[in-house]
Amino acid sequence: MRVLILSAGLADLRPGAAGALVGRAWAELGHQVAVVPLGTGGDALADAVSEIPGVAFLRPEAGESSAALGRELRESLASRTILVDLTGDCPDDAGEGLLAEMDGTVILPGHSLVAVVREDELEAPLLGVRGVAARRAYASGGADIGAALAGDAALSRLASAVGMPDPPPGAGAGNGLALAVLALGGVVRTGPAAVGDLLGVKATLAAADLVVLVTPALDFGGAGIEELRAAAGWAQHALLPCIALAGRVQISSRELRTFGVESAYQLAADPAGEASRVARTWSW
C-alpha cells in the first residue's frame, strides 16, 4: 500500500516533522509513505517550502509602497521559483513600486514567479464594483464614493500601463499586488496549489492508494478548510480515499462528506499512538 501524507503541521511540529510522525504509523506496517508539506500562507507556507531547493519565499510589508518587495524580488531572480506571499497585509500601490524597482527586468526562462493568494481571492477582480478600490471603500464604511471611483480609475490606468487593460481574474488579490506579478509573467495560485506544482503532487497521486491530510485544527469556523479542500480535490481527481488527522477536530461527518473526506481523527495527547490506531484501520 502507498500512502500520500499532505502535512500542514501539528501544534508545535512543522509540516515536515508532523508528516513524518504520522507517516511512521503506516511505514511501521510495511507500507510505502510519501510526505508533502502544505501551507496556505504566512509562516506555515514558509515552513512548508523552506527545505525545497531553488525556492525563494518573499513576504511584502503593509504600507504605501511595494518598492522594498521589488528590491527583494530583483535580488531573488537566481532562484528557480519565487513565491510572493500575498495572503497577509499588502502595500496599497497595486505593485507600482515593485514594477518601478524591477525596471523592465524579466523572469529568466525556466524560472517561475508565483503570487500565493488566499483561496477566496483566487479570482479577485482588480476593477469595478468588486474590485480593489471598492473593497477598500467597503472596509472603511463606504463613506467616500468619490475616492473609490478615483482609486478605480487610477488602477485602470496602471493596468493599461503594464499592458493589461482588461486585467484577468486574480489581478485584484493581495490589495492589487497580484497585478504586478501577472505583469511580470507570473501566475496566481493558492498555497497548496503552489506547493503541489513544486513537488509534483499529481504524479505522486497517480501511484498512491490513500491520501492523508495532517493539519493543526479542523473546524466549522474555517481552520484547516483550505488545506482540506485541496487534499480532497486531489484525492477525488485521482479516485482515491481521503482522510484527515488534526490536533483538534470540530466538524461533523456530514460536513466532511460534502468535501469528499471519509473521516477525520483527532490527535490530542498522544499523536503517535492515535496515528498508529488510524493506520491500522486504514490499511490493506
Protein backbone atom coordinates (compact mmCIF):
# COMPACT_ATOMS: atom_id res chain seq x y z
CA MET A 1 0.00 0.00 0.00
CA ARG A 2 1.21 3.50 -0.82
CA VAL A 3 0.18 6.46 1.35
CA LEU A 4 0.48 10.14 0.49
CA ILE A 5 0.70 12.37 3.59
CA LEU A 6 -0.18 16.03 2.97
CA SER A 7 1.02 17.82 6.09
CA ALA A 8 0.28 21.36 7.27
CA GLY A 9 1.81 20.70 10.69
CA LEU A 10 0.61 19.78 14.18
CA ALA A 11 0.73 22.01 17.28
CA ASP A 12 4.46 22.61 17.80
CA LEU A 13 5.53 20.44 14.84
CA ARG A 14 6.40 21.96 11.50
CA PRO A 15 4.78 20.43 8.38
CA GLY A 16 7.65 18.09 7.56
CA ALA A 17 8.05 16.82 11.13
CA ALA A 18 4.30 16.34 11.60
CA GLY A 19 4.06 14.46 8.31
CA ALA A 20 6.97 12.21 9.29
CA LEU A 21 5.37 11.44 12.67
CA VAL A 22 2.08 10.39 11.05
CA GLY A 23 3.80 8.65 8.15
CA ARG A 24 5.74 6.39 10.52
CA ALA A 25 2.45 4.83 11.60
CA TRP A 26 1.93 3.43 8.11
CA ALA A 27 5.62 2.75 7.47
CA GLU A 28 5.76 0.54 10.57
CA LEU A 29 3.02 -1.57 8.99
CA GLY A 30 5.21 -2.09 5.95
CA HIS A 31 3.61 0.45 3.65
CA GLN A 32 5.31 3.00 1.39
CA VAL A 33 4.89 6.60 2.51
CA ALA A 34 5.47 9.96 0.80
CA VAL A 35 5.22 13.23 2.75
CA VAL A 36 4.36 16.55 1.10
CA PRO A 37 4.39 19.69 3.30
CA LEU A 38 1.50 22.13 2.85
CA GLY A 39 0.77 25.72 3.80
CA THR A 40 -1.82 28.26 2.78
CA GLY A 41 0.32 31.30 3.51
CA GLY A 42 2.36 33.08 6.18
CA ASP A 43 4.68 31.14 8.48
CA ALA A 44 3.04 27.81 7.63
CA LEU A 45 3.81 28.20 3.93
CA ALA A 46 7.31 29.49 4.68
CA ASP A 47 7.93 26.34 6.73
CA ALA A 48 6.46 24.12 4.02
CA VAL A 49 8.80 25.41 1.31
CA SER A 50 11.87 26.07 3.47
CA GLU A 51 13.57 22.81 2.53
CA ILE A 52 12.70 22.82 -1.17
CA PRO A 53 15.87 23.67 -3.15
CA GLY A 54 15.77 26.64 -5.50
CA VAL A 55 12.74 28.32 -3.93
CA ALA A 56 12.73 31.93 -2.68
CA PHE A 57 9.89 32.99 -0.39
CA LEU A 58 9.04 36.70 -0.22
CA ARG A 59 6.51 38.46 2.00
CA PRO A 60 5.58 42.12 1.47
CA GLU A 61 5.05 44.53 4.32
CA ALA A 62 1.92 46.65 4.59
CA GLY A 63 2.41 50.31 3.69
CA GLU A 64 2.10 52.77 0.86
CA SER A 65 4.73 51.29 -1.46
CA SER A 66 5.82 47.86 -2.68
CA ALA A 67 9.28 49.15 -3.66
CA ALA A 68 11.03 47.15 -0.91
CA LEU A 69 9.42 43.98 -2.21
CA GLY A 70 10.64 44.90 -5.69
CA ARG A 71 14.21 45.11 -4.43
CA GLU A 72 13.87 41.72 -2.73
CA LEU A 73 12.45 40.25 -5.91
CA ARG A 74 15.31 41.60 -8.00
CA GLU A 75 17.80 40.03 -5.59
CA SER A 76 16.00 36.67 -5.78
CA LEU A 77 15.95 36.25 -9.55
CA ALA A 78 18.57 33.50 -9.47
CA SER A 79 16.08 31.23 -7.67
CA ARG A 80 14.25 28.80 -9.92
CA THR A 81 10.93 29.56 -8.26
CA ILE A 82 9.92 32.73 -6.42
CA LEU A 83 6.83 32.63 -4.23
CA VAL A 84 5.39 36.01 -3.25
CA ASP A 85 3.04 35.56 -0.30
CA LEU A 86 0.03 37.88 -0.70
CA THR A 87 -2.13 36.25 1.95
CA GLY A 88 -1.38 38.87 4.61
CA ASP A 89 -1.49 42.67 4.65
CA CYS A 90 -0.10 44.10 1.42
CA PRO A 91 1.03 47.56 0.21
CA ASP A 92 -1.54 49.99 -1.18
CA ASP A 93 0.05 50.72 -4.57
CA ALA A 94 -1.04 47.58 -6.52
CA GLY A 95 2.62 46.76 -7.17
CA GLU A 96 3.56 50.06 -8.84
CA GLY A 97 6.65 50.41 -6.62
CA LEU A 98 7.64 46.81 -7.28
CA LEU A 99 7.44 47.29 -11.03
CA ALA A 100 9.47 50.50 -10.83
CA GLU A 101 12.21 48.67 -8.93
CA MET A 102 12.23 45.85 -11.48
CA ASP A 103 12.58 48.49 -14.24
CA GLY A 104 12.00 46.14 -17.16
CA THR A 105 13.79 43.16 -15.60
CA VAL A 106 12.22 39.90 -16.76
CA ILE A 107 11.97 36.49 -15.13
CA LEU A 108 14.54 34.16 -16.67
CA PRO A 109 13.34 31.36 -18.97
CA GLY A 110 12.83 28.18 -16.99
CA HIS A 111 12.17 30.14 -13.80
CA SER A 112 8.76 30.92 -12.35
CA LEU A 113 7.13 33.66 -10.30
CA VAL A 114 4.04 32.81 -8.25
CA ALA A 115 1.69 35.07 -6.32
CA VAL A 116 0.32 33.00 -3.44
CA VAL A 117 -3.15 34.20 -2.50
CA ARG A 118 -5.99 33.25 -0.21
CA GLU A 119 -8.48 30.82 -1.69
CA ASP A 120 -11.22 33.45 -1.61
CA GLU A 121 -9.03 35.83 -3.67
CA LEU A 122 -8.04 33.38 -6.38
CA GLU A 123 -10.30 35.16 -8.87
CA ALA A 124 -10.48 38.57 -7.17
CA PRO A 125 -11.08 41.32 -9.75
CA LEU A 126 -8.88 44.40 -9.88
CA LEU A 127 -11.55 46.79 -11.13
CA GLY A 128 -15.26 47.50 -10.81
CA VAL A 129 -17.82 47.12 -8.07
CA ARG A 130 -15.99 44.11 -6.64
CA GLY A 131 -12.52 45.47 -7.34
CA VAL A 132 -9.74 46.66 -5.05
CA ALA A 133 -10.91 50.26 -4.67
CA ALA A 134 -14.50 49.17 -4.00
CA ARG A 135 -13.35 46.66 -1.39
CA ARG A 136 -11.24 49.31 0.33
CA ALA A 137 -14.23 51.67 0.41
CA TYR A 138 -16.45 48.96 1.87
CA ALA A 139 -13.87 48.13 4.54
CA SER A 140 -13.74 51.80 5.58
CA GLY A 141 -17.50 52.13 5.81
CA GLY A 142 -18.14 53.21 2.22
CA ALA A 143 -18.37 56.88 3.11
CA ASP A 144 -16.28 58.32 0.26
CA ILE A 145 -17.65 57.03 -3.06
CA GLY A 146 -15.71 59.68 -4.96
CA ALA A 147 -12.41 58.37 -3.59
CA ALA A 148 -13.40 54.84 -4.55
CA LEU A 149 -14.15 55.90 -8.13
CA ALA A 150 -10.87 57.81 -8.34
CA GLY A 151 -8.99 54.83 -6.96
CA ASP A 152 -10.59 52.52 -9.51
CA ALA A 153 -9.67 54.89 -12.34
CA ALA A 154 -6.05 55.01 -11.11
CA LEU A 155 -5.90 51.21 -11.02
CA SER A 156 -7.33 51.07 -14.54
CA ARG A 157 -4.59 53.43 -15.79
CA LEU A 158 -1.91 51.31 -14.07
CA ALA A 159 -3.28 48.12 -15.60
CA SER A 160 -3.21 49.69 -19.07
CA ALA A 161 0.32 50.99 -18.50
CA VAL A 162 1.59 47.46 -17.79
CA GLY A 163 -0.14 46.05 -20.85
CA MET A 164 -3.18 44.59 -19.11
CA PRO A 165 -6.12 46.87 -19.97
CA ASP A 166 -8.51 44.01 -19.21
CA PRO A 167 -6.96 42.53 -16.02
CA PRO A 168 -7.66 38.80 -15.61
CA PRO A 169 -9.38 37.27 -12.57
CA GLY A 170 -6.99 37.21 -9.62
CA ALA A 171 -5.29 40.51 -10.51
CA GLY A 172 -7.03 42.13 -7.55
CA ALA A 173 -5.63 39.69 -4.99
CA GLY A 174 -3.28 40.97 -2.32
CA ASN A 175 -4.70 44.50 -2.44
CA GLY A 176 -3.97 44.54 -6.17
CA LEU A 177 -0.34 43.45 -5.82
CA ALA A 178 -1.12 40.35 -7.90
CA LEU A 179 -1.39 42.67 -10.91
CA ALA A 180 2.36 43.32 -10.75
CA VAL A 181 3.15 39.61 -10.51
CA LEU A 182 0.97 38.88 -13.53
CA ALA A 183 2.53 41.79 -15.44
CA LEU A 184 5.95 40.20 -14.87
CA GLY A 185 4.77 36.92 -16.36
CA GLY A 186 3.85 35.25 -13.08
CA VAL A 187 0.80 33.28 -12.07
CA VAL A 188 -1.68 33.36 -9.19
CA ARG A 189 -2.05 30.23 -7.05
CA THR A 190 -3.26 29.19 -3.61
CA GLY A 191 -0.59 27.95 -1.20
CA PRO A 192 -1.46 24.25 -1.59
CA ALA A 193 -1.58 24.55 -5.38
CA ALA A 194 1.81 26.29 -5.45
CA VAL A 195 3.41 23.56 -3.32
CA GLY A 196 1.65 20.88 -5.34
CA ASP A 197 3.16 22.28 -8.55
CA LEU A 198 6.62 22.49 -6.98
CA LEU A 199 6.63 18.93 -5.68
CA GLY A 200 4.71 17.20 -8.46
CA VAL A 201 1.82 16.08 -6.28
CA LYS A 202 -0.28 14.92 -9.23
CA ALA A 203 2.40 12.45 -10.29
CA THR A 204 2.66 11.17 -6.71
CA LEU A 205 -1.12 10.74 -6.56
CA ALA A 206 -1.01 8.51 -9.60
CA ALA A 207 0.99 5.97 -7.57
CA ALA A 208 -0.89 6.34 -4.27
CA ASP A 209 -3.66 4.30 -2.64
CA LEU A 210 -4.65 6.66 0.19
CA VAL A 211 -4.44 10.43 0.84
CA VAL A 212 -3.99 11.59 4.45
CA LEU A 213 -4.23 15.25 5.43
CA VAL A 214 -2.44 16.34 8.62
CA THR A 215 -3.36 19.78 9.98
CA PRO A 216 -3.26 21.58 13.36
CA ALA A 217 -7.03 22.11 13.51
CA LEU A 218 -10.13 21.29 11.54
CA ASP A 219 -13.34 23.05 12.47
CA PHE A 220 -16.51 24.64 11.17
CA GLY A 221 -15.03 28.09 11.81
CA GLY A 222 -12.69 27.64 8.85
CA ALA A 223 -9.47 26.29 10.40
CA GLY A 224 -7.87 23.78 8.07
CA ILE A 225 -10.65 24.04 5.48
CA GLU A 226 -8.47 25.35 2.64
CA GLU A 227 -6.00 22.51 3.16
CA LEU A 228 -8.91 20.06 3.41
CA ARG A 229 -10.38 21.22 0.12
CA ALA A 230 -7.02 20.91 -1.61
CA ALA A 231 -6.35 17.41 -0.28
CA ALA A 232 -9.87 16.20 -1.05
CA GLY A 233 -9.77 17.75 -4.51
CA TRP A 234 -6.53 15.98 -5.40
CA ALA A 235 -7.85 12.70 -3.98
CA GLN A 236 -11.11 12.94 -5.91
CA HIS A 237 -9.25 13.70 -9.13
CA ALA A 238 -7.18 10.54 -8.61
CA LEU A 239 -10.20 8.49 -7.41
CA LEU A 240 -8.57 7.88 -4.01
CA PRO A 241 -9.99 7.83 -0.48
CA CYS A 242 -9.03 10.80 1.70
CA ILE A 243 -8.94 11.05 5.49
CA ALA A 244 -7.80 13.79 7.86
CA LEU A 245 -5.85 13.82 11.13
CA ALA A 246 -5.86 17.03 13.15
CA GLY A 247 -4.80 18.26 16.54
CA ARG A 248 -8.39 19.44 17.03
CA VAL A 249 -11.47 18.25 15.14
CA GLN A 250 -14.73 20.16 15.43
CA ILE A 251 -16.55 19.33 12.22
CA SER A 252 -19.32 16.82 11.61
CA SER A 253 -19.11 13.68 9.49
CA ARG A 254 -21.82 15.14 7.27
CA GLU A 255 -19.75 18.26 6.58
CA LEU A 256 -16.69 16.12 5.88
CA ARG A 257 -18.58 14.14 3.28
CA THR A 258 -19.53 17.35 1.46
CA PHE A 259 -15.79 17.89 0.93
CA GLY A 260 -15.27 14.29 -0.17
CA VAL A 261 -13.41 13.25 3.00
CA GLU A 262 -14.14 9.84 4.51
CA SER A 263 -13.27 10.51 8.16
CA ALA A 264 -11.40 12.88 10.46
CA TYR A 265 -9.48 11.83 13.58
CA GLN A 266 -8.26 13.95 16.45
CA LEU A 267 -4.62 13.70 17.51
CA ALA A 268 -4.60 15.10 21.02
CA ALA A 269 -2.43 13.93 23.94
CA ASP A 270 -0.82 11.04 22.07
CA PRO A 271 -0.44 11.92 18.35
CA ALA A 272 1.84 8.99 17.56
CA GLY A 273 -0.40 6.47 19.30
CA GLU A 274 -3.58 7.80 17.69
CA ALA A 275 -1.91 7.86 14.27
CA SER A 276 -0.97 4.20 14.74
CA ARG A 277 -4.58 3.32 15.53
CA VAL A 278 -5.79 5.16 12.43
CA ALA A 279 -3.14 3.49 10.28
CA ARG A 280 -4.29 0.04 11.40
CA THR A 281 -7.86 0.99 10.45
CA TRP A 282 -6.84 2.39 7.07
CA SER A 283 -4.51 -0.36 5.98
CA TRP A 284 -4.86 -3.05 3.34
